[in-house]
């Protein structure tokens, strides 16, 4: 029914890279996303011939790289830190192109609802520099959804006049953090979606995203704000979500991200089956 390849976040297997690649192939994935901000797959560690060797290892399992994760965990709200973070992000994009993918996913922080907020322009300036670099590379830095509504994110992206900074649509983050509708978000962000995460969850408490994402640090979060759940057990309307992606012409990866649970391999295998059934229209 649909033409979406299924990927998996390699780190979700919580094991070494060669073993994780074998597990990704075993569960039936056709692609992987890997973290490249630290460790052996960072630009500083994966150097010289190691890059080609890693790519060959991926291909030997019948896999391709859907995206790299270039999230350095700070966002781009601090003008003093931004020059270093921008340069580090560019190096991840350089690595991505060598590994035959055009997408680096990242978090940029919480986009303020009010465009007159001082942090809004700081983030615009930083993302403008990233967009310019990505445009030169025919690639994308893809902002992961969740910290703000789709409408706020679209307004922010429209101000960049580029798709060099685009969208990695995570439907669970929208449900869990802002209470936004992922189906409507697909249509709102249709001009920018270049990658997606397949994840599910439920919002438990209404909390300011700036508290959840640590921008406001002097307030205590009482109780869990959200819970991540296996695909189909949360509040993401996957049948209509996939239909919306198909409606806008998206043909990229549905990349499974499982950040919790005691048996990630089983959870991921179930998620692959869940998506395969939905793709077939079952």
C-alpha atoms as a PDB file:
ATOM      1  CA  UNK A   1       0.000   0.000   0.000  1.00  0.00           C
ATOM      2  CA  UNK A   2       2.812   2.410   0.906  1.00  0.00           C
ATOM      3  CA  UNK A   3       6.454   2.725  -0.153  1.00  0.00           C
ATOM      4  CA  UNK A   4       8.309   3.500   3.061  1.00  0.00           C
ATOM      5  CA  UNK A   5      11.589   1.721   3.814  1.00  0.00           C
ATOM      6  CA  UNK A   6      12.015   0.776   7.472  1.00  0.00           C
ATOM      7  CA  UNK A   7      15.119   1.772   9.389  1.00  0.00           C
ATOM      8  CA  UNK A   8      16.294   1.445  12.955  1.00  0.00           C
ATOM      9  CA  UNK A   9      18.400   3.603  15.254  1.00  0.00           C
ATOM     10  CA  UNK A  10      21.485   1.427  15.635  1.00  0.00           C
ATOM     11  CA  UNK A  11      22.131   2.597  19.198  1.00  0.00           C
ATOM     12  CA  UNK A  12      18.693   1.304  20.226  1.00  0.00           C
ATOM     13  CA  UNK A  13      20.136  -2.221  20.275  1.00  0.00           C
ATOM     14  CA  UNK A  14      22.549  -1.124  23.034  1.00  0.00           C
ATOM     15  CA  UNK A  15      25.431  -3.256  21.872  1.00  0.00           C
ATOM     16  CA  UNK A  16      28.593  -2.941  19.773  1.00  0.00           C
ATOM     17  CA  UNK A  17      28.357  -1.788  16.159  1.00  0.00           C
ATOM     18  CA  UNK A  18      29.039  -5.117  14.348  1.00  0.00           C
ATOM     19  CA  UNK A  19      26.538  -6.959  16.550  1.00  0.00           C
ATOM     20  CA  UNK A  20      23.944  -4.203  16.173  1.00  0.00           C
ATOM     21  CA  UNK A  21      24.264  -4.293  12.380  1.00  0.00           C
ATOM     22  CA  UNK A  22      23.592  -8.025  12.428  1.00  0.00           C
ATOM     23  CA  UNK A  23      20.543  -7.490  14.620  1.00  0.00           C
ATOM     24  CA  UNK A  24      19.233  -4.719  12.358  1.00  0.00           C
ATOM     25  CA  UNK A  25      19.415  -7.005   9.345  1.00  0.00           C
ATOM     26  CA  UNK A  26      17.872  -9.893  11.311  1.00  0.00           C
ATOM     27  CA  UNK A  27      14.755  -7.932  12.291  1.00  0.00           C
ATOM     28  CA  UNK A  28      14.154  -6.973   8.667  1.00  0.00           C
ATOM     29  CA  UNK A  29      15.286  -3.350   8.569  1.00  0.00           C
ATOM     30  CA  UNK A  30      16.687  -1.945   5.343  1.00  0.00           C
ATOM     31  CA  UNK A  31      18.431   1.068   6.859  1.00  0.00           C
ATOM     32  CA  UNK A  32      20.074   2.382  10.000  1.00  0.00           C
ATOM     33  CA  UNK A  33      20.642   5.709  11.708  1.00  0.00           C
ATOM     34  CA  UNK A  34      23.725   6.149  13.892  1.00  0.00           C
ATOM     35  CA  UNK A  35      24.864   8.670  16.500  1.00  0.00           C
ATOM     36  CA  UNK A  36      27.903  10.585  15.293  1.00  0.00           C
ATOM     37  CA  UNK A  37      28.418  13.113  18.057  1.00  0.00           C
ATOM     38  CA  UNK A  38      30.629  10.878  20.197  1.00  0.00           C
ATOM     39  CA  UNK A  39      32.376   7.515  20.213  1.00  0.00           C
ATOM     40  CA  UNK A  40      33.751   5.415  17.393  1.00  0.00           C
ATOM     41  CA  UNK A  41      31.352   6.784  14.761  1.00  0.00           C
ATOM     42  CA  UNK A  42      32.094  10.460  15.428  1.00  0.00           C
ATOM     43  CA  UNK A  43      33.993  12.517  12.830  1.00  0.00           C
ATOM     44  CA  UNK A  44      37.012  12.624  15.175  1.00  0.00           C
ATOM     45  CA  UNK A  45      37.188   8.827  15.556  1.00  0.00           C
ATOM     46  CA  UNK A  46      35.917   7.555  12.203  1.00  0.00           C
ATOM     47  CA  UNK A  47      38.793   8.848  10.098  1.00  0.00           C
ATOM     48  CA  UNK A  48      40.673   7.877   6.955  1.00  0.00           C
ATOM     49  CA  UNK A  49      40.025   4.346   5.715  1.00  0.00           C
ATOM     50  CA  UNK A  50      37.744   3.648   8.689  1.00  0.00           C
ATOM     51  CA  UNK A  51      34.925   5.515   6.966  1.00  0.00           C
ATOM     52  CA  UNK A  52      34.952   3.300   3.913  1.00  0.00           C
ATOM     53  CA  UNK A  53      35.338   0.207   6.068  1.00  0.00           C
ATOM     54  CA  UNK A  54      32.290   1.113   8.131  1.00  0.00           C
ATOM     55  CA  UNK A  55      30.220   1.848   5.032  1.00  0.00           C
ATOM     56  CA  UNK A  56      31.271  -1.485   3.523  1.00  0.00           C
ATOM     57  CA  UNK A  57      30.258  -3.238   6.746  1.00  0.00           C
ATOM     58  CA  UNK A  58      26.827  -1.595   6.594  1.00  0.00           C
ATOM     59  CA  UNK A  59      26.345  -2.594   2.961  1.00  0.00           C
ATOM     60  CA  UNK A  60      27.530  -6.158   3.620  1.00  0.00           C
ATOM     61  CA  UNK A  61      24.424  -6.567   5.791  1.00  0.00           C
ATOM     62  CA  UNK A  62      22.182  -5.317   2.994  1.00  0.00           C
ATOM     63  CA  UNK A  63      21.646  -2.014   4.776  1.00  0.00           C
ATOM     64  CA  UNK A  64      22.033   1.663   3.962  1.00  0.00           C
ATOM     65  CA  UNK A  65      22.429   4.668   6.239  1.00  0.00           C
ATOM     66  CA  UNK A  66      19.213   6.679   6.486  1.00  0.00           C
ATOM     67  CA  UNK A  67      20.728   9.513   8.528  1.00  0.00           C
ATOM     68  CA  UNK A  68      23.329  10.435  11.103  1.00  0.00           C
ATOM     69  CA  UNK A  69      22.356  11.897  14.452  1.00  0.00           C
ATOM     70  CA  UNK A  70      24.243  15.135  15.031  1.00  0.00           C
ATOM     71  CA  UNK A  71      22.545  16.227  18.234  1.00  0.00           C
ATOM     72  CA  UNK A  72      25.119  17.698  20.622  1.00  0.00           C
ATOM     73  CA  UNK A  73      22.539  18.148  23.366  1.00  0.00           C
ATOM     74  CA  UNK A  74      22.796  21.913  23.717  1.00  0.00           C
ATOM     75  CA  UNK A  75      20.617  23.389  21.006  1.00  0.00           C
ATOM     76  CA  UNK A  76      21.530  26.722  19.466  1.00  0.00           C
ATOM     77  CA  UNK A  77      20.183  29.170  22.014  1.00  0.00           C
ATOM     78  CA  UNK A  78      23.530  30.357  23.407  1.00  0.00           C
ATOM     79  CA  UNK A  79      25.392  32.722  21.054  1.00  0.00           C
ATOM     80  CA  UNK A  80      28.680  32.075  22.857  1.00  0.00           C
ATOM     81  CA  UNK A  81      28.497  28.321  22.270  1.00  0.00           C
ATOM     82  CA  UNK A  82      27.030  28.437  18.767  1.00  0.00           C
ATOM     83  CA  UNK A  83      30.236  28.956  16.735  1.00  0.00           C
ATOM     84  CA  UNK A  84      31.733  25.734  18.115  1.00  0.00           C
ATOM     85  CA  UNK A  85      28.480  23.786  17.807  1.00  0.00           C
ATOM     86  CA  UNK A  86      27.987  24.957  14.234  1.00  0.00           C
ATOM     87  CA  UNK A  87      31.467  23.822  13.238  1.00  0.00           C
ATOM     88  CA  UNK A  88      30.967  20.452  14.934  1.00  0.00           C
ATOM     89  CA  UNK A  89      27.634  20.055  13.150  1.00  0.00           C
ATOM     90  CA  UNK A  90      29.278  20.794   9.807  1.00  0.00           C
ATOM     91  CA  UNK A  91      31.833  18.054  10.420  1.00  0.00           C
ATOM     92  CA  UNK A  92      29.005  15.582  11.042  1.00  0.00           C
ATOM     93  CA  UNK A  93      27.431  16.605   7.738  1.00  0.00           C
ATOM     94  CA  UNK A  94      30.762  16.106   5.979  1.00  0.00           C
ATOM     95  CA  UNK A  95      30.853  12.606   7.450  1.00  0.00           C
ATOM     96  CA  UNK A  96      27.263  11.958   6.409  1.00  0.00           C
ATOM     97  CA  UNK A  97      28.029  12.701   2.773  1.00  0.00           C
ATOM     98  CA  UNK A  98      30.995  10.319   2.850  1.00  0.00           C
ATOM     99  CA  UNK A  99      28.691   7.659   4.280  1.00  0.00           C
ATOM    100  CA  UNK A 100      26.235   8.246   1.422  1.00  0.00           C
ATOM    101  CA  UNK A 101      23.425   9.946   3.309  1.00  0.00           C
ATOM    102  CA  UNK A 102      22.156  13.511   2.941  1.00  0.00           C
ATOM    103  CA  UNK A 103      20.525  13.833   6.362  1.00  0.00           C
ATOM    104  CA  UNK A 104      21.833  14.789   9.799  1.00  0.00           C
ATOM    105  CA  UNK A 105      19.155  14.951  12.490  1.00  0.00           C
ATOM    106  CA  UNK A 106      19.511  17.323  15.407  1.00  0.00           C
ATOM    107  CA  UNK A 107      17.731  19.187  18.178  1.00  0.00           C
ATOM    108  CA  UNK A 108      18.075  22.967  18.021  1.00  0.00           C
ATOM    109  CA  UNK A 109      16.404  23.744  21.350  1.00  0.00           C
ATOM    110  CA  UNK A 110      12.885  25.033  21.962  1.00  0.00           C
ATOM    111  CA  UNK A 111      11.747  27.525  19.332  1.00  0.00           C
ATOM    112  CA  UNK A 112       9.917  30.343  21.153  1.00  0.00           C
ATOM    113  CA  UNK A 113       6.313  30.905  20.121  1.00  0.00           C
ATOM    114  CA  UNK A 114       6.980  34.648  19.962  1.00  0.00           C
ATOM    115  CA  UNK A 115       9.353  35.531  17.125  1.00  0.00           C
ATOM    116  CA  UNK A 116      10.334  38.660  19.086  1.00  0.00           C
ATOM    117  CA  UNK A 117      11.810  36.534  21.870  1.00  0.00           C
ATOM    118  CA  UNK A 118      15.590  37.216  22.052  1.00  0.00           C
ATOM    119  CA  UNK A 119      16.434  33.519  21.628  1.00  0.00           C
ATOM    120  CA  UNK A 120      14.419  33.275  18.406  1.00  0.00           C
ATOM    121  CA  UNK A 121      16.841  35.391  16.391  1.00  0.00           C
ATOM    122  CA  UNK A 122      19.859  33.709  17.969  1.00  0.00           C
ATOM    123  CA  UNK A 123      18.526  30.339  16.792  1.00  0.00           C
ATOM    124  CA  UNK A 124      17.633  31.762  13.370  1.00  0.00           C
ATOM    125  CA  UNK A 125      21.163  33.064  12.896  1.00  0.00           C
ATOM    126  CA  UNK A 126      22.708  29.724  13.826  1.00  0.00           C
ATOM    127  CA  UNK A 127      20.303  27.712  11.677  1.00  0.00           C
ATOM    128  CA  UNK A 128      20.851  30.129   8.813  1.00  0.00           C
ATOM    129  CA  UNK A 129      24.551  29.270   8.840  1.00  0.00           C
ATOM    130  CA  UNK A 130      23.768  25.553   8.968  1.00  0.00           C
ATOM    131  CA  UNK A 131      21.248  25.901   6.138  1.00  0.00           C
ATOM    132  CA  UNK A 132      23.754  27.711   3.941  1.00  0.00           C
ATOM    133  CA  UNK A 133      26.345  24.973   4.467  1.00  0.00           C
ATOM    134  CA  UNK A 134      23.822  22.176   3.876  1.00  0.00           C
ATOM    135  CA  UNK A 135      22.573  23.836   0.700  1.00  0.00           C
ATOM    136  CA  UNK A 136      26.133  23.837  -0.635  1.00  0.00           C
ATOM    137  CA  UNK A 137      26.339  20.112   0.113  1.00  0.00           C
ATOM    138  CA  UNK A 138      22.886  19.283  -1.296  1.00  0.00           C
ATOM    139  CA  UNK A 139      21.980  17.940   2.128  1.00  0.00           C
ATOM    140  CA  UNK A 140      19.869  18.692   5.212  1.00  0.00           C
ATOM    141  CA  UNK A 141      20.158  19.306   8.915  1.00  0.00           C
ATOM    142  CA  UNK A 142      16.822  17.890  10.051  1.00  0.00           C
ATOM    143  CA  UNK A 143      15.277  19.335  13.214  1.00  0.00           C
ATOM    144  CA  UNK A 144      13.557  16.698  15.330  1.00  0.00           C
ATOM    145  CA  UNK A 145       9.985  17.662  16.154  1.00  0.00           C
ATOM    146  CA  UNK A 146       8.675  17.849  19.700  1.00  0.00           C
ATOM    147  CA  UNK A 147       9.882  20.899  21.611  1.00  0.00           C
ATOM    148  CA  UNK A 148       7.372  23.169  19.858  1.00  0.00           C
ATOM    149  CA  UNK A 149       4.200  22.766  17.814  1.00  0.00           C
ATOM    150  CA  UNK A 150       4.391  22.087  14.098  1.00  0.00           C
ATOM    151  CA  UNK A 151       2.965  25.526  13.344  1.00  0.00           C
ATOM    152  CA  UNK A 152       5.671  27.264  15.374  1.00  0.00           C
ATOM    153  CA  UNK A 153       8.383  25.177  13.734  1.00  0.00           C
ATOM    154  CA  UNK A 154       7.036  25.911  10.254  1.00  0.00           C
ATOM    155  CA  UNK A 155       7.103  29.642  10.922  1.00  0.00           C
ATOM    156  CA  UNK A 156      10.697  29.351  12.078  1.00  0.00           C
ATOM    157  CA  UNK A 157      11.730  27.347   9.013  1.00  0.00           C
ATOM    158  CA  UNK A 158       9.896  29.636   6.603  1.00  0.00           C
ATOM    159  CA  UNK A 159      12.078  32.456   7.928  1.00  0.00           C
ATOM    160  CA  UNK A 160      15.224  30.628   6.759  1.00  0.00           C
ATOM    161  CA  UNK A 161      14.095  30.484   3.103  1.00  0.00           C
ATOM    162  CA  UNK A 162      15.908  27.173   2.660  1.00  0.00           C
ATOM    163  CA  UNK A 163      15.453  23.441   3.085  1.00  0.00           C
ATOM    164  CA  UNK A 164      19.075  23.072   4.172  1.00  0.00           C
ATOM    165  CA  UNK A 165      17.557  23.024   7.647  1.00  0.00           C
ATOM    166  CA  UNK A 166      14.548  20.729   7.382  1.00  0.00           C
ATOM    167  CA  UNK A 167      12.531  18.322   9.563  1.00  0.00           C
ATOM    168  CA  UNK A 168      12.983  14.897  11.116  1.00  0.00           C
ATOM    169  CA  UNK A 169       9.378  14.214  12.093  1.00  0.00           C
ATOM    170  CA  UNK A 170       9.060  12.289  15.357  1.00  0.00           C
ATOM    171  CA  UNK A 171       5.322  11.793  15.950  1.00  0.00           C
ATOM    172  CA  UNK A 172       5.753  10.554  19.518  1.00  0.00           C
ATOM    173  CA  UNK A 173       7.595  13.693  20.608  1.00  0.00           C
ATOM    174  CA  UNK A 174       4.712  15.830  19.385  1.00  0.00           C
ATOM    175  CA  UNK A 175       2.216  13.694  21.291  1.00  0.00           C
ATOM    176  CA  UNK A 176       4.301  13.427  24.452  1.00  0.00           C
ATOM    177  CA  UNK A 177       5.583  16.992  24.829  1.00  0.00           C
ATOM    178  CA  UNK A 178       3.304  19.527  23.134  1.00  0.00           C
ATOM    179  CA  UNK A 179       0.139  17.495  22.676  1.00  0.00           C
ATOM    180  CA  UNK A 180       0.255  18.391  18.980  1.00  0.00           C
ATOM    181  CA  UNK A 181      -1.406  16.179  16.354  1.00  0.00           C
ATOM    182  CA  UNK A 182       1.236  14.288  14.305  1.00  0.00           C
ATOM    183  CA  UNK A 183      -1.176  13.748  11.403  1.00  0.00           C
ATOM    184  CA  UNK A 184      -1.866  17.459  11.054  1.00  0.00           C
ATOM    185  CA  UNK A 185       1.857  18.123  11.562  1.00  0.00           C
ATOM    186  CA  UNK A 186       2.687  16.130   8.426  1.00  0.00           C
ATOM    187  CA  UNK A 187       0.575  18.457   6.301  1.00  0.00           C
ATOM    188  CA  UNK A 188       1.858  21.558   8.091  1.00  0.00           C
ATOM    189  CA  UNK A 189       5.518  20.596   7.620  1.00  0.00           C
ATOM    190  CA  UNK A 190       5.152  18.859   4.257  1.00  0.00           C
ATOM    191  CA  UNK A 191       7.703  21.048   2.480  1.00  0.00           C
ATOM    192  CA  UNK A 192      10.429  20.225   5.000  1.00  0.00           C
ATOM    193  CA  UNK A 193      10.136  16.552   6.026  1.00  0.00           C
ATOM    194  CA  UNK A 194      13.245  14.603   4.943  1.00  0.00           C
ATOM    195  CA  UNK A 195      13.371  11.863   7.609  1.00  0.00           C
ATOM    196  CA  UNK A 196      11.091  10.400  10.261  1.00  0.00           C
ATOM    197  CA  UNK A 197      11.337   8.465  13.500  1.00  0.00           C
ATOM    198  CA  UNK A 198       8.876   5.669  14.188  1.00  0.00           C
ATOM    199  CA  UNK A 199       8.103   6.027  17.875  1.00  0.00           C
ATOM    200  CA  UNK A 200       4.992   6.024  20.038  1.00  0.00           C
ATOM    201  CA  UNK A 201       4.082   7.433  23.425  1.00  0.00           C
ATOM    202  CA  UNK A 202       1.608   9.234  25.635  1.00  0.00           C
ATOM    203  CA  UNK A 203       1.532  12.572  27.425  1.00  0.00           C
ATOM    204  CA  UNK A 204       1.004  12.158  31.161  1.00  0.00           C
ATOM    205  CA  UNK A 205       1.260  15.715  32.430  1.00  0.00           C
ATOM    206  CA  UNK A 206       1.160  19.112  30.751  1.00  0.00           C
ATOM    207  CA  UNK A 207       4.577  20.689  31.194  1.00  0.00           C
ATOM    208  CA  UNK A 208       6.285  23.669  29.617  1.00  0.00           C
ATOM    209  CA  UNK A 209       8.636  22.228  26.959  1.00  0.00           C
ATOM    210  CA  UNK A 210      11.320  24.603  28.201  1.00  0.00           C
ATOM    211  CA  UNK A 211      11.233  22.758  31.520  1.00  0.00           C
ATOM    212  CA  UNK A 212      11.199  19.314  29.873  1.00  0.00           C
ATOM    213  CA  UNK A 213      14.170  20.165  27.648  1.00  0.00           C
ATOM    214  CA  UNK A 214      16.140  21.801  30.440  1.00  0.00           C
ATOM    215  CA  UNK A 215      16.117  25.398  29.238  1.00  0.00           C
ATOM    216  CA  UNK A 216      14.344  26.379  32.444  1.00  0.00           C
ATOM    217  CA  UNK A 217      16.354  24.577  35.120  1.00  0.00           C
ATOM    218  CA  UNK A 218      15.146  26.180  38.329  1.00  0.00           C
ATOM    219  CA  UNK A 219      11.771  24.442  38.363  1.00  0.00           C
ATOM    220  CA  UNK A 220      11.242  20.896  39.603  1.00  0.00           C
ATOM    221  CA  UNK A 221       9.330  18.492  37.379  1.00  0.00           C
ATOM    222  CA  UNK A 222       6.848  16.780  39.676  1.00  0.00           C
ATOM    223  CA  UNK A 223       5.901  13.434  38.167  1.00  0.00           C
ATOM    224  CA  UNK A 224       6.593  11.985  34.748  1.00  0.00           C
ATOM    225  CA  UNK A 225       5.584  14.274  31.920  1.00  0.00           C
ATOM    226  CA  UNK A 226       5.308  11.494  29.320  1.00  0.00           C
ATOM    227  CA  UNK A 227       5.923   7.833  28.636  1.00  0.00           C
ATOM    228  CA  UNK A 228       7.383   6.175  25.527  1.00  0.00           C
ATOM    229  CA  UNK A 229       5.461   3.056  24.497  1.00  0.00           C
ATOM    230  CA  UNK A 230       5.816   0.309  21.857  1.00  0.00           C
ATOM    231  CA  UNK A 231       4.399   1.185  18.444  1.00  0.00           C
ATOM    232  CA  UNK A 232       0.630   0.941  18.442  1.00  0.00           C
ATOM    233  CA  UNK A 233       0.298   1.212  22.229  1.00  0.00           C
ATOM    234  CA  UNK A 234       0.538   4.992  22.500  1.00  0.00           C
ATOM    235  CA  UNK A 235      -1.458   7.916  21.151  1.00  0.00           C
ATOM    236  CA  UNK A 236       0.093   8.228  17.683  1.00  0.00           C
ATOM    237  CA  UNK A 237      -2.571   7.457  15.069  1.00  0.00           C
ATOM    238  CA  UNK A 238      -0.262   5.430  12.825  1.00  0.00           C
ATOM    239  CA  UNK A 239      -2.783   4.486  10.099  1.00  0.00           C
ATOM    240  CA  UNK A 240      -3.645   8.127   9.429  1.00  0.00           C
ATOM    241  CA  UNK A 241      -0.085   9.276  10.095  1.00  0.00           C
ATOM    242  CA  UNK A 242       1.278   6.971   7.374  1.00  0.00           C
ATOM    243  CA  UNK A 243      -1.548   7.992   5.057  1.00  0.00           C
ATOM    244  CA  UNK A 244      -0.602  11.636   5.572  1.00  0.00           C
ATOM    245  CA  UNK A 245       3.048  10.915   4.762  1.00  0.00           C
ATOM    246  CA  UNK A 246       1.952   9.145   1.596  1.00  0.00           C
ATOM    247  CA  UNK A 247      -0.387  12.018   0.701  1.00  0.00           C
ATOM    248  CA  UNK A 248       2.453  14.555   0.735  1.00  0.00           C
ATOM    249  CA  UNK A 249       4.682  12.317  -1.371  1.00  0.00           C
ATOM    250  CA  UNK A 250       7.137  11.340   1.362  1.00  0.00           C
ATOM    251  CA  UNK A 251       9.052   8.202   0.401  1.00  0.00           C
ATOM    252  CA  UNK A 252      11.834   8.266   2.966  1.00  0.00           C
ATOM    253  CA  UNK A 253      12.604   6.103   5.971  1.00  0.00           C
ATOM    254  CA  UNK A 254      10.475   5.255   8.961  1.00  0.00           C
ATOM    255  CA  UNK A 255      13.347   4.849  11.412  1.00  0.00           C
ATOM    256  CA  UNK A 256      12.481   3.012  14.611  1.00  0.00           C
ATOM    257  CA  UNK A 257      13.823   4.618  17.764  1.00  0.00           C
ATOM    258  CA  UNK A 258      13.421   2.705  21.035  1.00  0.00           C
ATOM    259  CA  UNK A 259      14.942   4.589  23.965  1.00  0.00           C
ATOM    260  CA  UNK A 260      13.481   2.546  26.851  1.00  0.00           C
ATOM    261  CA  UNK A 261      12.584  -1.062  27.693  1.00  0.00           C
ATOM    262  CA  UNK A 262      14.535  -4.101  28.928  1.00  0.00           C
ATOM    263  CA  UNK A 263      14.505  -6.065  25.661  1.00  0.00           C
ATOM    264  CA  UNK A 264      15.167  -3.630  22.805  1.00  0.00           C
ATOM    265  CA  UNK A 265      15.742  -6.294  20.150  1.00  0.00           C
ATOM    266  CA  UNK A 266      12.319  -7.850  20.758  1.00  0.00           C
ATOM    267  CA  UNK A 267      10.659  -4.426  20.873  1.00  0.00           C
ATOM    268  CA  UNK A 268      12.344  -3.387  17.627  1.00  0.00           C
ATOM    269  CA  UNK A 269      11.405  -6.644  15.880  1.00  0.00           C
ATOM    270  CA  UNK A 270       7.773  -6.101  16.926  1.00  0.00           C
ATOM    271  CA  UNK A 271       7.963  -2.516  15.680  1.00  0.00           C
ATOM    272  CA  UNK A 272       9.237  -3.685  12.282  1.00  0.00           C
ATOM    273  CA  UNK A 273       6.352  -6.152  12.004  1.00  0.00           C
ATOM    274  CA  UNK A 274       3.895  -3.458  13.100  1.00  0.00           C
ATOM    275  CA  UNK A 275       5.112  -1.067  10.411  1.00  0.00           C
ATOM    276  CA  UNK A 276       5.251  -3.757   7.738  1.00  0.00           C
ATOM    277  CA  UNK A 277       1.613  -4.622   8.441  1.00  0.00           C
ATOM    278  CA  UNK A 278       0.570  -0.961   8.271  1.00  0.00           C
ATOM    279  CA  UNK A 279       2.546  -0.408   5.062  1.00  0.00           C
ATOM    280  CA  UNK A 280       0.771  -3.384   3.508  1.00  0.00           C
ATOM    281  CA  UNK A 281      -2.567  -2.004   4.685  1.00  0.00           C
ATOM    282  CA  UNK A 282      -3.290  -4.815   7.155  1.00  0.00           C
END
